[in-house]
Amino acid sequence: MADIALADRVFAPHYALPLDHGCLAARVALRAAPSAEARAVSELLRGETFAVVEASGDWAWGFARADHYVGYVPVAALGPVIAATHIVSAPAALAFAQADIKAPPAERLPMGVRVAALSEDGPFIGAAEGFIHRRHLAPIETREADPVAVAERLVGAPYLWGGRSGDGVDCSGLVQLALARAGIAAPRDADQQQAALGEPLAEGAPLARGDLVFWPGHVGLMADAERLVHANAHWMMVTIEPLADVIARLPAETRTPLIKRIAP
């Protein structure tokens, strides 16, 4: 089975027209096979769109519209597409039962979740999830000037293979999330990002905030000329640390990184 849009490039016994569905779960793993035990390859966040190519039993196979990453998600996690108006821009936001910070929270929403505003009540936006404080949201069309500042907000967030939200993120998920908030579309995986983003710096050129640093299977963003912000399995969280320290603990044959810079 293949997307009918690939009919002129890919042979398949059957082609299907993808049907868009919205992600209902705050976050749900996109898996390599139709099983809860299968490896997570990426993640969908609430309010994002998943194009279903085939559904069978409890699982749907298709791709995320945001980055065209392919995988399986539970059918129960999918529903109608929403017209999102805001995105969670803080590491996480609470949706309260009422427009009152003393009200019981109904749900936790990690950075990257998209919601549709239904009402406004003082400092709160009312959505299907509940009432969310404006300080934790940004209008969906806004673009942040500094993607590194987005990544820095997630320092301490746990490392999660396949994760791309404030509740857990891997190295390329952090870069993708940070760049997206600055209006820069990035592929999902580190090797894809290395091929698609920026221009290589000349050897010995001074590093600057926002430079992308690549090794085989890993990527991070320079916080300044000497420190790297990255989601890493060494510390099992998002950290800012000297680039020299990261290089020193790598095997000798993989220590030399590729540095790329995205033009302003």
C-alpha atoms as a PDB file:
ATOM      1  CA  MET A   1       0.000   0.000   0.000  1.00  0.00           C
ATOM      2  CA  ALA A   2       1.300   3.458  -0.893  1.00  0.00           C
ATOM      3  CA  ASP A   3       0.128   7.055  -0.996  1.00  0.00           C
ATOM      4  CA  ILE A   4      -1.436   7.730  -4.385  1.00  0.00           C
ATOM      5  CA  ALA A   5       0.753  10.853  -4.637  1.00  0.00           C
ATOM      6  CA  LEU A   6       3.735   8.482  -5.096  1.00  0.00           C
ATOM      7  CA  ALA A   7       2.214   6.560  -7.992  1.00  0.00           C
ATOM      8  CA  ASP A   8       4.630   8.067 -10.514  1.00  0.00           C
ATOM      9  CA  ARG A   9       7.685   7.228  -8.352  1.00  0.00           C
ATOM     10  CA  VAL A  10       6.945   4.098  -6.319  1.00  0.00           C
ATOM     11  CA  PHE A  11       5.465   0.778  -7.433  1.00  0.00           C
ATOM     12  CA  ALA A  12       2.918  -0.753  -5.072  1.00  0.00           C
ATOM     13  CA  PRO A  13       0.134  -3.323  -5.550  1.00  0.00           C
ATOM     14  CA  HIS A  14      -2.371  -0.800  -4.202  1.00  0.00           C
ATOM     15  CA  TYR A  15      -2.525   2.975  -3.841  1.00  0.00           C
ATOM     16  CA  ALA A  16      -4.696   4.923  -1.432  1.00  0.00           C
ATOM     17  CA  LEU A  17      -5.725   8.523  -0.963  1.00  0.00           C
ATOM     18  CA  PRO A  18      -4.595   9.528   2.558  1.00  0.00           C
ATOM     19  CA  LEU A  19      -7.339  10.747   4.891  1.00  0.00           C
ATOM     20  CA  ASP A  20      -6.375  13.429   7.391  1.00  0.00           C
ATOM     21  CA  HIS A  21      -7.067  12.855  11.073  1.00  0.00           C
ATOM     22  CA  GLY A  22      -6.213  14.935  14.113  1.00  0.00           C
ATOM     23  CA  CYS A  23      -4.200  13.616  17.037  1.00  0.00           C
ATOM     24  CA  LEU A  24      -6.401  13.490  20.149  1.00  0.00           C
ATOM     25  CA  ALA A  25      -3.779  12.357  22.657  1.00  0.00           C
ATOM     26  CA  ALA A  26      -1.543  14.960  24.277  1.00  0.00           C
ATOM     27  CA  ARG A  27       1.258  12.899  22.751  1.00  0.00           C
ATOM     28  CA  VAL A  28       1.362   9.456  21.209  1.00  0.00           C
ATOM     29  CA  ALA A  29       4.267   7.436  19.857  1.00  0.00           C
ATOM     30  CA  LEU A  30       4.549   6.851  16.123  1.00  0.00           C
ATOM     31  CA  ARG A  31       5.721   3.227  15.971  1.00  0.00           C
ATOM     32  CA  ALA A  32       7.644   1.082  13.504  1.00  0.00           C
ATOM     33  CA  ALA A  33       5.030  -1.699  13.641  1.00  0.00           C
ATOM     34  CA  PRO A  34       1.370  -2.022  14.726  1.00  0.00           C
ATOM     35  CA  SER A  35       2.119  -2.959  18.326  1.00  0.00           C
ATOM     36  CA  ALA A  36       2.469  -1.102  21.589  1.00  0.00           C
ATOM     37  CA  GLU A  37       5.722  -3.031  22.052  1.00  0.00           C
ATOM     38  CA  ALA A  38       7.184  -1.855  18.743  1.00  0.00           C
ATOM     39  CA  ARG A  39      10.001   0.695  18.665  1.00  0.00           C
ATOM     40  CA  ALA A  40       8.934   4.338  18.740  1.00  0.00           C
ATOM     41  CA  VAL A  41      10.243   6.187  15.682  1.00  0.00           C
ATOM     42  CA  SER A  42       8.680   9.579  16.353  1.00  0.00           C
ATOM     43  CA  GLU A  43       5.732  11.176  18.090  1.00  0.00           C
ATOM     44  CA  LEU A  44       2.463  12.942  17.293  1.00  0.00           C
ATOM     45  CA  LEU A  45       1.185  15.777  19.457  1.00  0.00           C
ATOM     46  CA  ARG A  46      -2.373  16.872  20.039  1.00  0.00           C
ATOM     47  CA  GLY A  47      -3.632  19.141  17.296  1.00  0.00           C
ATOM     48  CA  GLU A  48      -1.216  17.799  14.688  1.00  0.00           C
ATOM     49  CA  THR A  49      -2.484  16.070  11.567  1.00  0.00           C
ATOM     50  CA  PHE A  50      -1.853  12.437  10.687  1.00  0.00           C
ATOM     51  CA  ALA A  51      -2.599  11.260   7.151  1.00  0.00           C
ATOM     52  CA  VAL A  52      -3.987   7.724   7.339  1.00  0.00           C
ATOM     53  CA  VAL A  53      -3.115   5.559   4.325  1.00  0.00           C
ATOM     54  CA  GLU A  54      -4.423   2.287   5.777  1.00  0.00           C
ATOM     55  CA  ALA A  55      -6.250   1.282   8.957  1.00  0.00           C
ATOM     56  CA  SER A  56      -6.586  -2.266  10.211  1.00  0.00           C
ATOM     57  CA  GLY A  57      -7.909  -3.271  13.595  1.00  0.00           C
ATOM     58  CA  ASP A  58      -6.616  -1.028  16.335  1.00  0.00           C
ATOM     59  CA  TRP A  59      -3.832   0.562  14.280  1.00  0.00           C
ATOM     60  CA  ALA A  60      -3.540   3.133  11.516  1.00  0.00           C
ATOM     61  CA  TRP A  61      -0.570   3.421   9.169  1.00  0.00           C
ATOM     62  CA  GLY A  62       0.303   6.704   7.514  1.00  0.00           C
ATOM     63  CA  PHE A  63       2.440   9.782   7.985  1.00  0.00           C
ATOM     64  CA  ALA A  64       2.620  12.982  10.001  1.00  0.00           C
ATOM     65  CA  ARG A  65       1.739  15.966   7.840  1.00  0.00           C
ATOM     66  CA  ALA A  66       4.254  18.130   9.736  1.00  0.00           C
ATOM     67  CA  ASP A  67       7.338  16.219   8.574  1.00  0.00           C
ATOM     68  CA  HIS A  68       6.018  13.269   6.501  1.00  0.00           C
ATOM     69  CA  TYR A  69       7.401  10.752   8.984  1.00  0.00           C
ATOM     70  CA  VAL A  70       5.812   7.330   8.463  1.00  0.00           C
ATOM     71  CA  GLY A  71       4.606   4.938  11.133  1.00  0.00           C
ATOM     72  CA  TYR A  72       1.751   3.365  13.031  1.00  0.00           C
ATOM     73  CA  VAL A  73      -0.470   4.994  15.654  1.00  0.00           C
ATOM     74  CA  PRO A  74      -3.440   3.624  17.616  1.00  0.00           C
ATOM     75  CA  VAL A  75      -6.759   4.374  15.929  1.00  0.00           C
ATOM     76  CA  ALA A  76      -8.083   5.442  19.345  1.00  0.00           C
ATOM     77  CA  ALA A  77      -5.601   8.353  19.369  1.00  0.00           C
ATOM     78  CA  LEU A  78      -7.073   9.846  16.187  1.00  0.00           C
ATOM     79  CA  GLY A  79     -10.137  11.977  15.558  1.00  0.00           C
ATOM     80  CA  PRO A  80     -11.288  15.072  13.700  1.00  0.00           C
ATOM     81  CA  VAL A  81      -8.729  17.628  12.523  1.00  0.00           C
ATOM     82  CA  ILE A  82      -8.943  20.806  14.574  1.00  0.00           C
ATOM     83  CA  ALA A  83      -8.327  24.368  13.428  1.00  0.00           C
ATOM     84  CA  ALA A  84      -5.609  25.136  15.961  1.00  0.00           C
ATOM     85  CA  THR A  85      -5.227  28.745  17.052  1.00  0.00           C
ATOM     86  CA  HIS A  86      -2.531  28.411  19.725  1.00  0.00           C
ATOM     87  CA  ILE A  87       0.475  26.250  20.558  1.00  0.00           C
ATOM     88  CA  VAL A  88       1.944  25.465  23.973  1.00  0.00           C
ATOM     89  CA  SER A  89       5.149  27.498  24.051  1.00  0.00           C
ATOM     90  CA  ALA A  90       6.146  26.837  27.668  1.00  0.00           C
ATOM     91  CA  PRO A  91       7.758  23.521  28.622  1.00  0.00           C
ATOM     92  CA  ALA A  92       4.266  22.472  29.711  1.00  0.00           C
ATOM     93  CA  ALA A  93       0.881  24.035  30.388  1.00  0.00           C
ATOM     94  CA  LEU A  94      -1.966  23.052  32.662  1.00  0.00           C
ATOM     95  CA  ALA A  95      -5.551  23.081  31.457  1.00  0.00           C
ATOM     96  CA  PHE A  96      -7.738  24.052  34.419  1.00  0.00           C
ATOM     97  CA  ALA A  97     -11.366  23.093  34.940  1.00  0.00           C
ATOM     98  CA  GLN A  98     -12.210  26.782  35.383  1.00  0.00           C
ATOM     99  CA  ALA A  99     -10.582  30.105  34.501  1.00  0.00           C
ATOM    100  CA  ASP A 100      -8.866  30.189  37.880  1.00  0.00           C
ATOM    101  CA  ILE A 101      -5.347  29.124  38.864  1.00  0.00           C
ATOM    102  CA  LYS A 102      -6.843  27.651  42.065  1.00  0.00           C
ATOM    103  CA  ALA A 103      -9.169  25.378  40.097  1.00  0.00           C
ATOM    104  CA  PRO A 104      -8.184  21.737  39.745  1.00  0.00           C
ATOM    105  CA  PRO A 105      -6.074  21.053  36.648  1.00  0.00           C
ATOM    106  CA  ALA A 106      -7.802  18.814  34.138  1.00  0.00           C
ATOM    107  CA  GLU A 107      -4.774  17.965  32.010  1.00  0.00           C
ATOM    108  CA  ARG A 108      -1.079  18.626  31.438  1.00  0.00           C
ATOM    109  CA  LEU A 109      -0.140  19.713  27.910  1.00  0.00           C
ATOM    110  CA  PRO A 110       3.551  19.594  26.882  1.00  0.00           C
ATOM    111  CA  MET A 111       5.304  22.106  24.640  1.00  0.00           C
ATOM    112  CA  GLY A 112       4.267  21.617  21.025  1.00  0.00           C
ATOM    113  CA  VAL A 113       0.624  20.724  21.653  1.00  0.00           C
ATOM    114  CA  ARG A 114      -1.825  22.705  19.532  1.00  0.00           C
ATOM    115  CA  VAL A 115      -5.246  23.803  20.775  1.00  0.00           C
ATOM    116  CA  ALA A 116      -8.249  25.622  19.343  1.00  0.00           C
ATOM    117  CA  ALA A 117      -9.417  28.618  21.359  1.00  0.00           C
ATOM    118  CA  LEU A 118     -13.148  28.569  22.077  1.00  0.00           C
ATOM    119  CA  SER A 119     -13.323  31.537  24.447  1.00  0.00           C
ATOM    120  CA  GLU A 120     -11.263  34.132  26.273  1.00  0.00           C
ATOM    121  CA  ASP A 121     -11.587  34.825  29.979  1.00  0.00           C
ATOM    122  CA  GLY A 122      -9.100  37.375  31.299  1.00  0.00           C
ATOM    123  CA  PRO A 123      -5.658  35.772  31.302  1.00  0.00           C
ATOM    124  CA  PHE A 124      -7.084  32.417  30.179  1.00  0.00           C
ATOM    125  CA  ILE A 125      -7.839  30.862  26.810  1.00  0.00           C
ATOM    126  CA  GLY A 126     -10.745  28.438  26.928  1.00  0.00           C
ATOM    127  CA  ALA A 127     -10.280  25.294  24.842  1.00  0.00           C
ATOM    128  CA  ALA A 128     -11.736  21.804  24.712  1.00  0.00           C
ATOM    129  CA  GLU A 129      -9.004  20.752  27.163  1.00  0.00           C
ATOM    130  CA  GLY A 130      -9.954  23.405  29.718  1.00  0.00           C
ATOM    131  CA  PHE A 131      -8.703  26.887  30.557  1.00  0.00           C
ATOM    132  CA  ILE A 132      -5.037  27.512  29.739  1.00  0.00           C
ATOM    133  CA  HIS A 133      -3.080  30.553  30.894  1.00  0.00           C
ATOM    134  CA  ARG A 134      -1.981  32.866  28.090  1.00  0.00           C
ATOM    135  CA  ARG A 135       1.591  32.919  29.379  1.00  0.00           C
ATOM    136  CA  HIS A 136       1.913  29.269  28.387  1.00  0.00           C
ATOM    137  CA  LEU A 137       0.513  29.688  24.877  1.00  0.00           C
ATOM    138  CA  ALA A 138       1.472  31.473  21.674  1.00  0.00           C
ATOM    139  CA  PRO A 139      -0.742  32.214  18.682  1.00  0.00           C
ATOM    140  CA  ILE A 140      -0.128  29.483  16.131  1.00  0.00           C
ATOM    141  CA  GLU A 141       1.139  31.951  13.528  1.00  0.00           C
ATOM    142  CA  THR A 142       3.782  33.590  15.754  1.00  0.00           C
ATOM    143  CA  ARG A 143       7.457  32.945  15.113  1.00  0.00           C
ATOM    144  CA  GLU A 144      10.127  33.197  17.777  1.00  0.00           C
ATOM    145  CA  ALA A 145      13.283  35.085  16.926  1.00  0.00           C
ATOM    146  CA  ASP A 146      15.707  32.691  18.609  1.00  0.00           C
ATOM    147  CA  PRO A 147      15.302  28.916  18.290  1.00  0.00           C
ATOM    148  CA  VAL A 148      18.046  28.361  20.874  1.00  0.00           C
ATOM    149  CA  ALA A 149      15.893  30.138  23.467  1.00  0.00           C
ATOM    150  CA  VAL A 150      13.168  27.563  22.775  1.00  0.00           C
ATOM    151  CA  ALA A 151      15.617  24.709  23.320  1.00  0.00           C
ATOM    152  CA  GLU A 152      16.923  26.339  26.510  1.00  0.00           C
ATOM    153  CA  ARG A 153      13.422  26.308  27.995  1.00  0.00           C
ATOM    154  CA  LEU A 154      13.536  22.527  27.853  1.00  0.00           C
ATOM    155  CA  VAL A 155      16.773  22.110  29.826  1.00  0.00           C
ATOM    156  CA  GLY A 156      16.052  19.309  32.282  1.00  0.00           C
ATOM    157  CA  ALA A 157      13.357  17.706  30.138  1.00  0.00           C
ATOM    158  CA  PRO A 158      13.863  13.932  30.019  1.00  0.00           C
ATOM    159  CA  TYR A 159      15.528  12.267  27.078  1.00  0.00           C
ATOM    160  CA  LEU A 160      13.000  10.132  25.199  1.00  0.00           C
ATOM    161  CA  TRP A 161      13.830   8.163  22.072  1.00  0.00           C
ATOM    162  CA  GLY A 162      11.361   9.321  19.416  1.00  0.00           C
ATOM    163  CA  GLY A 163      10.122  12.177  21.618  1.00  0.00           C
ATOM    164  CA  ARG A 164       9.466  15.646  20.296  1.00  0.00           C
ATOM    165  CA  SER A 165       7.586  17.433  23.077  1.00  0.00           C
ATOM    166  CA  GLY A 166       8.251  19.168  26.365  1.00  0.00           C
ATOM    167  CA  ASP A 167       7.514  15.930  28.235  1.00  0.00           C
ATOM    168  CA  GLY A 168      10.332  14.023  26.547  1.00  0.00           C
ATOM    169  CA  VAL A 169      12.531  14.667  23.549  1.00  0.00           C
ATOM    170  CA  ASP A 170      15.419  13.174  21.625  1.00  0.00           C
ATOM    171  CA  CYS A 171      18.259  15.101  20.002  1.00  0.00           C
ATOM    172  CA  SER A 172      16.685  15.670  16.600  1.00  0.00           C
ATOM    173  CA  GLY A 173      13.257  16.184  18.150  1.00  0.00           C
ATOM    174  CA  LEU A 174      14.654  19.069  20.194  1.00  0.00           C
ATOM    175  CA  VAL A 175      16.201  20.681  17.126  1.00  0.00           C
ATOM    176  CA  GLN A 176      13.034  20.166  15.069  1.00  0.00           C
ATOM    177  CA  LEU A 177      10.832  21.625  17.815  1.00  0.00           C
ATOM    178  CA  ALA A 178      13.088  24.633  18.402  1.00  0.00           C
ATOM    179  CA  LEU A 179      13.453  25.467  14.720  1.00  0.00           C
ATOM    180  CA  ALA A 180       9.722  25.030  14.093  1.00  0.00           C
ATOM    181  CA  ARG A 181       8.925  27.725  16.646  1.00  0.00           C
ATOM    182  CA  ALA A 182      11.199  30.042  14.641  1.00  0.00           C
ATOM    183  CA  GLY A 183       9.382  29.202  11.411  1.00  0.00           C
ATOM    184  CA  ILE A 184      12.101  26.876  10.082  1.00  0.00           C
ATOM    185  CA  ALA A 185      10.861  23.498   8.877  1.00  0.00           C
ATOM    186  CA  ALA A 186      13.277  20.699   9.732  1.00  0.00           C
ATOM    187  CA  PRO A 187      13.186  16.988   8.909  1.00  0.00           C
ATOM    188  CA  ARG A 188      12.756  14.548  11.775  1.00  0.00           C
ATOM    189  CA  ASP A 189      16.062  12.650  12.031  1.00  0.00           C
ATOM    190  CA  ALA A 190      19.587  13.932  12.652  1.00  0.00           C
ATOM    191  CA  ASP A 191      20.962  12.606   9.351  1.00  0.00           C
ATOM    192  CA  GLN A 192      18.068  14.194   7.465  1.00  0.00           C
ATOM    193  CA  GLN A 193      18.656  17.488   9.252  1.00  0.00           C
ATOM    194  CA  GLN A 194      22.351  17.347   8.418  1.00  0.00           C
ATOM    195  CA  ALA A 195      21.525  16.945   4.728  1.00  0.00           C
ATOM    196  CA  ALA A 196      18.784  19.579   4.598  1.00  0.00           C
ATOM    197  CA  LEU A 197      19.733  22.398   6.961  1.00  0.00           C
ATOM    198  CA  GLY A 198      22.275  25.176   6.752  1.00  0.00           C
ATOM    199  CA  GLU A 199      25.689  25.504   5.165  1.00  0.00           C
ATOM    200  CA  PRO A 200      28.924  23.976   6.511  1.00  0.00           C
ATOM    201  CA  LEU A 201      31.303  26.278   8.345  1.00  0.00           C
ATOM    202  CA  ALA A 202      34.905  26.429   7.256  1.00  0.00           C
ATOM    203  CA  GLU A 203      37.265  24.452   9.455  1.00  0.00           C
ATOM    204  CA  GLY A 204      38.437  26.573  12.346  1.00  0.00           C
ATOM    205  CA  ALA A 205      35.719  29.215  11.927  1.00  0.00           C
ATOM    206  CA  PRO A 206      34.446  30.594  15.262  1.00  0.00           C
ATOM    207  CA  LEU A 207      31.156  29.086  16.423  1.00  0.00           C
ATOM    208  CA  ALA A 208      28.084  31.158  17.211  1.00  0.00           C
ATOM    209  CA  ARG A 209      24.743  30.785  18.939  1.00  0.00           C
ATOM    210  CA  GLY A 210      22.387  28.744  16.772  1.00  0.00           C
ATOM    211  CA  ASP A 211      25.017  26.768  14.885  1.00  0.00           C
ATOM    212  CA  LEU A 212      24.046  23.138  14.327  1.00  0.00           C
ATOM    213  CA  VAL A 213      26.544  20.514  15.461  1.00  0.00           C
ATOM    214  CA  PHE A 214      26.308  17.040  13.927  1.00  0.00           C
ATOM    215  CA  TRP A 215      27.859  13.669  14.675  1.00  0.00           C
ATOM    216  CA  PRO A 216      26.656  10.324  13.320  1.00  0.00           C
ATOM    217  CA  GLY A 217      23.237   9.901  14.931  1.00  0.00           C
ATOM    218  CA  HIS A 218      23.372  13.046  17.052  1.00  0.00           C
ATOM    219  CA  VAL A 219      22.730  16.789  16.762  1.00  0.00           C
ATOM    220  CA  GLY A 220      22.630  19.828  18.999  1.00  0.00           C
ATOM    221  CA  LEU A 221      22.513  23.624  18.902  1.00  0.00           C
ATOM    222  CA  MET A 222      25.292  25.918  20.069  1.00  0.00           C
ATOM    223  CA  ALA A 223      24.137  28.119  22.946  1.00  0.00           C
ATOM    224  CA  ASP A 224      27.188  30.304  22.424  1.00  0.00           C
ATOM    225  CA  ALA A 225      30.702  29.905  21.038  1.00  0.00           C
ATOM    226  CA  GLU A 226      31.590  27.135  23.520  1.00  0.00           C
ATOM    227  CA  ARG A 227      28.470  25.441  24.903  1.00  0.00           C
ATOM    228  CA  LEU A 228      26.034  23.000  23.310  1.00  0.00           C
ATOM    229  CA  VAL A 229      22.349  22.550  24.160  1.00  0.00           C
ATOM    230  CA  HIS A 230      21.219  19.057  23.280  1.00  0.00           C
ATOM    231  CA  ALA A 231      18.980  16.187  24.323  1.00  0.00           C
ATOM    232  CA  ASN A 232      21.326  13.330  25.094  1.00  0.00           C
ATOM    233  CA  ALA A 233      21.325   9.789  26.432  1.00  0.00           C
ATOM    234  CA  HIS A 234      24.486  10.415  28.481  1.00  0.00           C
ATOM    235  CA  TRP A 235      22.673  12.644  30.982  1.00  0.00           C
ATOM    236  CA  MET A 236      19.228  11.323  29.926  1.00  0.00           C
ATOM    237  CA  MET A 237      17.883  14.866  29.586  1.00  0.00           C
ATOM    238  CA  VAL A 238      18.303  18.151  27.788  1.00  0.00           C
ATOM    239  CA  THR A 239      21.493  19.810  28.979  1.00  0.00           C
ATOM    240  CA  ILE A 240      23.768  22.734  28.215  1.00  0.00           C
ATOM    241  CA  GLU A 241      27.415  21.762  28.510  1.00  0.00           C
ATOM    242  CA  PRO A 242      30.772  22.640  26.985  1.00  0.00           C
ATOM    243  CA  LEU A 243      31.133  21.305  23.463  1.00  0.00           C
ATOM    244  CA  ALA A 244      34.630  20.172  24.421  1.00  0.00           C
ATOM    245  CA  ASP A 245      33.171  17.886  27.111  1.00  0.00           C
ATOM    246  CA  VAL A 246      30.783  16.290  24.609  1.00  0.00           C
ATOM    247  CA  ILE A 247      33.612  15.695  22.147  1.00  0.00           C
ATOM    248  CA  ALA A 248      35.900  14.252  24.827  1.00  0.00           C
ATOM    249  CA  ARG A 249      33.529  11.423  25.749  1.00  0.00           C
ATOM    250  CA  LEU A 250      32.964  10.294  22.161  1.00  0.00           C
ATOM    251  CA  PRO A 251      34.962   7.511  20.494  1.00  0.00           C
ATOM    252  CA  ALA A 252      38.056   8.942  18.827  1.00  0.00           C
ATOM    253  CA  GLU A 253      36.876   8.059  15.326  1.00  0.00           C
ATOM    254  CA  THR A 254      33.624  10.068  15.686  1.00  0.00           C
ATOM    255  CA  ARG A 255      34.814  13.079  17.680  1.00  0.00           C
ATOM    256  CA  THR A 256      35.087  15.576  14.823  1.00  0.00           C
ATOM    257  CA  PRO A 257      31.679  17.179  14.308  1.00  0.00           C
ATOM    258  CA  LEU A 258      30.199  18.804  11.239  1.00  0.00           C
ATOM    259  CA  ILE A 259      29.146  22.372  11.993  1.00  0.00           C
ATOM    260  CA  LYS A 260      26.441  24.014   9.892  1.00  0.00           C
ATOM    261  CA  ARG A 261      24.911  27.475  10.068  1.00  0.00           C
ATOM    262  CA  ILE A 262      21.420  28.474   8.998  1.00  0.00           C
ATOM    263  CA  ALA A 263      21.457  31.817   7.231  1.00  0.00           C
ATOM    264  CA  PRO A 264      19.525  34.531   9.104  1.00  0.00           C
END
